């Protein structure tokens, strides 16, 4: 069950990142820095 939760959370993080790439002019590097800063 923990593996399923980890897969879902990781997938949601990737979806948010992909939406940010598609809808804004943020680069993947800036999005990664944002994730590291928030996390």
Protein backbone atom coordinates (compact mmCIF):
# COMPACT_ATOMS: atom_id res chain seq x y z
CA UNK A 1 0.00 0.00 0.00
CA UNK A 2 2.90 2.37 0.73
CA UNK A 3 4.24 1.77 -2.77
CA UNK A 4 0.90 2.75 -4.29
CA UNK A 5 0.76 5.97 -2.24
CA UNK A 6 4.33 6.84 -3.27
CA UNK A 7 3.45 6.21 -6.94
CA UNK A 8 0.36 8.44 -6.73
CA UNK A 9 2.15 11.28 -4.93
CA UNK A 10 5.09 11.14 -7.36
CA UNK A 11 2.70 11.14 -10.29
CA UNK A 12 0.87 14.18 -8.96
CA UNK A 13 4.15 16.03 -8.52
CA UNK A 14 5.05 15.23 -12.14
CA UNK A 15 1.62 16.37 -13.37
CA UNK A 16 1.98 19.70 -11.58
CA UNK A 17 5.45 20.16 -13.07
CA UNK A 18 4.23 19.33 -16.57
CA UNK A 19 1.32 21.77 -16.27
CA UNK A 20 3.74 24.49 -15.13
CA UNK A 21 6.00 23.79 -18.12
CA UNK A 22 3.08 23.85 -20.58
CA UNK A 23 1.17 26.85 -19.23
CA UNK A 24 3.99 29.15 -18.09
CA UNK A 25 7.38 30.21 -19.37
CA UNK A 26 9.14 28.51 -16.45
CA UNK A 27 12.01 26.24 -17.38
CA UNK A 28 12.30 22.74 -15.92
CA UNK A 29 15.35 23.90 -13.94
CA UNK A 30 13.37 26.68 -12.26
CA UNK A 31 10.53 24.29 -11.46
CA UNK A 32 13.01 21.85 -9.90
CA UNK A 33 14.50 24.64 -7.78
CA UNK A 34 10.98 25.51 -6.65
CA UNK A 35 10.32 21.89 -5.66
CA UNK A 36 13.59 21.72 -3.71
CA UNK A 37 12.87 25.01 -1.97
CA UNK A 38 9.32 23.98 -1.01
CA UNK A 39 10.34 20.46 0.00
